[in-house]
PDB file of N, CA and C in Angstrom:
ATOM      1  N   MET A   1      10.434   1.306   7.888  1.00  0.00           N
ATOM      2  CA  MET A   1      10.019   0.453   6.804  1.00  0.00           C
ATOM      3  C   MET A   1       9.223  -0.707   7.407  1.00  0.00           C
ATOM      4  N   ILE A   2       8.035  -0.925   6.899  1.00  0.00           N
ATOM      5  CA  ILE A   2       7.190  -2.006   7.398  1.00  0.00           C
ATOM      6  C   ILE A   2       6.652  -2.822   6.231  1.00  0.00           C
ATOM      7  N   THR A   3       6.225  -4.029   6.522  1.00  0.00           N
ATOM      8  CA  THR A   3       5.529  -4.839   5.532  1.00  0.00           C
ATOM      9  C   THR A   3       4.097  -5.007   6.005  1.00  0.00           C
ATOM     10  N   GLY A   4       3.199  -5.139   5.061  1.00  0.00           N
ATOM     11  CA  GLY A   4       1.802  -5.295   5.423  1.00  0.00           C
ATOM     12  C   GLY A   4       0.978  -5.762   4.242  1.00  0.00           C
ATOM     13  N   ILE A   5      -0.320  -5.778   4.434  1.00  0.00           N
ATOM     14  CA  ILE A   5      -1.260  -6.245   3.420  1.00  0.00           C
ATOM     15  C   ILE A   5      -2.225  -5.112   3.086  1.00  0.00           C
ATOM     16  N   VAL A   6      -2.465  -4.906   1.801  1.00  0.00           N
ATOM     17  CA  VAL A   6      -3.425  -3.891   1.356  1.00  0.00           C
ATOM     18  C   VAL A   6      -4.823  -4.370   1.746  1.00  0.00           C
ATOM     19  N   VAL A   7      -5.532  -3.559   2.535  1.00  0.00           N
ATOM     20  CA  VAL A   7      -6.869  -3.941   2.989  1.00  0.00           C
ATOM     21  C   VAL A   7      -7.975  -3.129   2.318  1.00  0.00           C
ATOM     22  N   LYS A   8      -7.617  -1.960   1.749  1.00  0.00           N
ATOM     23  CA  LYS A   8      -8.627  -1.125   1.090  1.00  0.00           C
ATOM     24  C   LYS A   8      -7.939  -0.209   0.092  1.00  0.00           C
ATOM     25  N   ASN A   9      -8.631   0.070  -1.013  1.00  0.00           N
ATOM     26  CA  ASN A   9      -8.155   0.995  -2.031  1.00  0.00           C
ATOM     27  C   ASN A   9      -9.283   1.988  -2.284  1.00  0.00           C
ATOM     28  N   MET A  10      -8.997   3.278  -2.045  1.00  0.00           N
ATOM     29  CA  MET A  10     -10.044   4.279  -2.237  1.00  0.00           C
ATOM     30  C   MET A  10      -9.437   5.578  -2.755  1.00  0.00           C
ATOM     31  N   ASN A  11      -9.852   6.003  -3.950  1.00  0.00           N
ATOM     32  CA  ASN A  11      -9.444   7.282  -4.548  1.00  0.00           C
ATOM     33  C   ASN A  11      -7.931   7.469  -4.612  1.00  0.00           C
ATOM     34  N   GLY A  12      -7.208   6.425  -4.977  1.00  0.00           N
ATOM     35  CA  GLY A  12      -5.759   6.535  -5.117  1.00  0.00           C
ATOM     36  C   GLY A  12      -4.983   6.329  -3.836  1.00  0.00           C
ATOM     37  N   TYR A  13      -5.661   6.157  -2.725  1.00  0.00           N
ATOM     38  CA  TYR A  13      -4.998   5.870  -1.452  1.00  0.00           C
ATOM     39  C   TYR A  13      -5.170   4.396  -1.134  1.00  0.00           C
ATOM     40  N   PHE A  14      -4.122   3.816  -0.583  1.00  0.00           N
ATOM     41  CA  PHE A  14      -4.155   2.419  -0.201  1.00  0.00           C
ATOM     42  C   PHE A  14      -4.004   2.328   1.304  1.00  0.00           C
ATOM     43  N   TYR A  15      -4.800   1.501   1.912  1.00  0.00           N
ATOM     44  CA  TYR A  15      -4.755   1.310   3.355  1.00  0.00           C
ATOM     45  C   TYR A  15      -4.072  -0.023   3.618  1.00  0.00           C
ATOM     46  N   VAL A  16      -2.945   0.046   4.325  1.00  0.00           N
ATOM     47  CA  VAL A  16      -2.095  -1.119   4.543  1.00  0.00           C
ATOM     48  C   VAL A  16      -2.107  -1.473   6.021  1.00  0.00           C
ATOM     49  N   GLN A  17      -2.424  -2.731   6.317  1.00  0.00           N
ATOM     50  CA  GLN A  17      -2.432  -3.213   7.697  1.00  0.00           C
ATOM     51  C   GLN A  17      -1.128  -3.949   7.955  1.00  0.00           C
ATOM     52  N   ASP A  18      -0.401  -3.517   8.990  1.00  0.00           N
ATOM     53  CA  ASP A  18       0.877  -4.156   9.310  1.00  0.00           C
ATOM     54  C   ASP A  18       0.659  -5.326  10.267  1.00  0.00           C
ATOM     55  N   ASP A  19       1.757  -5.942  10.705  1.00  0.00           N
ATOM     56  CA  ASP A  19       1.686  -7.131  11.555  1.00  0.00           C
ATOM     57  C   ASP A  19       1.060  -6.859  12.917  1.00  0.00           C
ATOM     58  N   SER A  20       1.125  -5.613  13.389  1.00  0.00           N
ATOM     59  CA  SER A  20       0.531  -5.274  14.688  1.00  0.00           C
ATOM     60  C   SER A  20      -0.908  -4.761  14.533  1.00  0.00           C
ATOM     61  N   SER A  21      -1.518  -4.987  13.383  1.00  0.00           N
ATOM     62  CA  SER A  21      -2.907  -4.616  13.067  1.00  0.00           C
ATOM     63  C   SER A  21      -3.144  -3.113  12.980  1.00  0.00           C
ATOM     64  N   THR A  22      -2.089  -2.322  12.841  1.00  0.00           N
ATOM     65  CA  THR A  22      -2.225  -0.886  12.626  1.00  0.00           C
ATOM     66  C   THR A  22      -2.435  -0.637  11.139  1.00  0.00           C
ATOM     67  N   VAL A  23      -3.391   0.231  10.801  1.00  0.00           N
ATOM     68  CA  VAL A  23      -3.676   0.535   9.397  1.00  0.00           C
ATOM     69  C   VAL A  23      -3.044   1.878   9.052  1.00  0.00           C
ATOM     70  N   HIS A  24      -2.277   1.902   7.955  1.00  0.00           N
ATOM     71  CA  HIS A  24      -1.589   3.100   7.489  1.00  0.00           C
ATOM     72  C   HIS A  24      -2.190   3.525   6.155  1.00  0.00           C
ATOM     73  N   GLU A  25      -2.424   4.835   5.988  1.00  0.00           N
ATOM     74  CA  GLU A  25      -2.909   5.376   4.720  1.00  0.00           C
ATOM     75  C   GLU A  25      -1.695   5.698   3.856  1.00  0.00           C
ATOM     76  N   CYS A  26      -1.639   5.143   2.650  1.00  0.00           N
ATOM     77  CA  CYS A  26      -0.460   5.280   1.789  1.00  0.00           C
ATOM     78  C   CYS A  26      -0.867   5.724   0.391  1.00  0.00           C
ATOM     79  N   LYS A  27       0.089   6.290  -0.315  1.00  0.00           N
ATOM     80  CA  LYS A  27      -0.087   6.681  -1.714  1.00  0.00           C
ATOM     81  C   LYS A  27       1.035   6.013  -2.507  1.00  0.00           C
ATOM     82  N   VAL A  28       0.730   5.578  -3.719  1.00  0.00           N
ATOM     83  CA  VAL A  28       1.690   4.847  -4.544  1.00  0.00           C
ATOM     84  C   VAL A  28       2.709   5.794  -5.152  1.00  0.00           C
ATOM     85  N   ARG A  29       3.953   5.354  -5.227  1.00  0.00           N
ATOM     86  CA  ARG A  29       5.015   6.124  -5.879  1.00  0.00           C
ATOM     87  C   ARG A  29       4.772   6.221  -7.374  1.00  0.00           C
ATOM     88  N   GLY A  30       5.348   7.236  -7.992  1.00  0.00           N
ATOM     89  CA  GLY A  30       5.169   7.474  -9.416  1.00  0.00           C
ATOM     90  C   GLY A  30       5.616   6.334 -10.301  1.00  0.00           C
ATOM     91  N   ARG A  31       6.695   5.660  -9.914  1.00  0.00           N
ATOM     92  CA  ARG A  31       7.225   4.585 -10.744  1.00  0.00           C
ATOM     93  C   ARG A  31       6.210   3.447 -10.896  1.00  0.00           C
ATOM     94  N   LEU A  32       5.582   3.058  -9.820  1.00  0.00           N
ATOM     95  CA  LEU A  32       4.575   2.002  -9.872  1.00  0.00           C
ATOM     96  C   LEU A  32       3.294   2.515 -10.520  1.00  0.00           C
ATOM     97  N   LYS A  33       2.961   3.760 -10.262  1.00  0.00           N
ATOM     98  CA  LYS A  33       1.748   4.370 -10.805  1.00  0.00           C
ATOM     99  C   LYS A  33       1.793   4.437 -12.329  1.00  0.00           C
ATOM    100  N   LYS A  34       2.962   4.775 -12.903  1.00  0.00           N
ATOM    101  CA  LYS A  34       3.101   4.923 -14.350  1.00  0.00           C
ATOM    102  C   LYS A  34       3.296   3.588 -15.058  1.00  0.00           C
ATOM    103  N   GLY A  35       3.692   2.574 -14.332  1.00  0.00           N
ATOM    104  CA  GLY A  35       3.958   1.266 -14.926  1.00  0.00           C
ATOM    105  C   GLY A  35       2.689   0.496 -15.230  1.00  0.00           C
ATOM    106  N   ARG A  36       2.867  -0.716 -15.644  1.00  0.00           N
ATOM    107  CA  ARG A  36       1.717  -1.542 -16.008  1.00  0.00           C
ATOM    108  C   ARG A  36       1.196  -2.369 -14.838  1.00  0.00           C
ATOM    109  N   TYR A  37       1.770  -2.168 -13.661  1.00  0.00           N
ATOM    110  CA  TYR A  37       1.372  -2.929 -12.485  1.00  0.00           C
ATOM    111  C   TYR A  37       0.339  -2.161 -11.674  1.00  0.00           C
ATOM    112  N   SER A  38      -0.461  -2.876 -10.927  1.00  0.00           N
ATOM    113  CA  SER A  38      -1.424  -2.225 -10.040  1.00  0.00           C
ATOM    114  C   SER A  38      -1.502  -3.007  -8.736  1.00  0.00           C
ATOM    115  N   LEU A  39      -1.873  -2.321  -7.685  1.00  0.00           N
ATOM    116  CA  LEU A  39      -2.038  -2.960  -6.387  1.00  0.00           C
ATOM    117  C   LEU A  39      -3.483  -3.400  -6.223  1.00  0.00           C
ATOM    118  N   LEU A  40      -3.659  -4.554  -5.618  1.00  0.00           N
ATOM    119  CA  LEU A  40      -4.988  -5.076  -5.349  1.00  0.00           C
ATOM    120  C   LEU A  40      -5.111  -5.376  -3.866  1.00  0.00           C
ATOM    121  N   VAL A  41      -6.328  -5.394  -3.374  1.00  0.00           N
ATOM    122  CA  VAL A  41      -6.559  -5.759  -1.981  1.00  0.00           C
ATOM    123  C   VAL A  41      -6.047  -7.181  -1.774  1.00  0.00           C
ATOM    124  N   GLY A  42      -5.274  -7.361  -0.718  1.00  0.00           N
ATOM    125  CA  GLY A  42      -4.684  -8.666  -0.426  1.00  0.00           C
ATOM    126  C   GLY A  42      -3.219  -8.759  -0.798  1.00  0.00           C
ATOM    127  N   ASP A  43      -2.716  -7.800  -1.583  1.00  0.00           N
ATOM    128  CA  ASP A  43      -1.299  -7.796  -1.956  1.00  0.00           C
ATOM    129  C   ASP A  43      -0.431  -7.493  -0.744  1.00  0.00           C
ATOM    130  N   ARG A  44       0.702  -8.140  -0.680  1.00  0.00           N
ATOM    131  CA  ARG A  44       1.680  -7.887   0.378  1.00  0.00           C
ATOM    132  C   ARG A  44       2.614  -6.793  -0.129  1.00  0.00           C
ATOM    133  N   VAL A  45       2.831  -5.751   0.682  1.00  0.00           N
ATOM    134  CA  VAL A  45       3.617  -4.592   0.250  1.00  0.00           C
ATOM    135  C   VAL A  45       4.645  -4.201   1.302  1.00  0.00           C
ATOM    136  N   LEU A  46       5.626  -3.446   0.858  1.00  0.00           N
ATOM    137  CA  LEU A  46       6.642  -2.853   1.723  1.00  0.00           C
ATOM    138  C   LEU A  46       6.382  -1.353   1.743  1.00  0.00           C
ATOM    139  N   VAL A  47       6.255  -0.768   2.935  1.00  0.00           N
ATOM    140  CA  VAL A  47       5.917   0.647   3.079  1.00  0.00           C
ATOM    141  C   VAL A  47       7.126   1.400   3.610  1.00  0.00           C
ATOM    142  N   LEU A  48       7.500   2.464   2.895  1.00  0.00           N
ATOM    143  CA  LEU A  48       8.586   3.345   3.329  1.00  0.00           C
ATOM    144  C   LEU A  48       7.978   4.669   3.748  1.00  0.00           C
ATOM    145  N   PHE A  49       8.422   5.211   4.864  1.00  0.00           N
ATOM    146  CA  PHE A  49       7.917   6.497   5.348  1.00  0.00           C
ATOM    147  C   PHE A  49       8.918   7.584   5.026  1.00  0.00           C
ATOM    148  N   PHE A  50       8.445   8.680   4.434  1.00  0.00           N
ATOM    149  CA  PHE A  50       9.300   9.825   4.111  1.00  0.00           C
ATOM    150  C   PHE A  50       8.818  11.036   4.848  1.00  0.00           C
TER     151      PHE A  50
END
């Protein structure tokens, strides 16, 4: 589990940069996707790896 900042949003994928400057390609979970919330560049997020 890491925390980071959304640096790019492209075609449903979000690129999150962590504290060590590594960029991870992520996809949003269904719960957030179906809700009224959206991610924007600059948002601070928590990333879980499955």
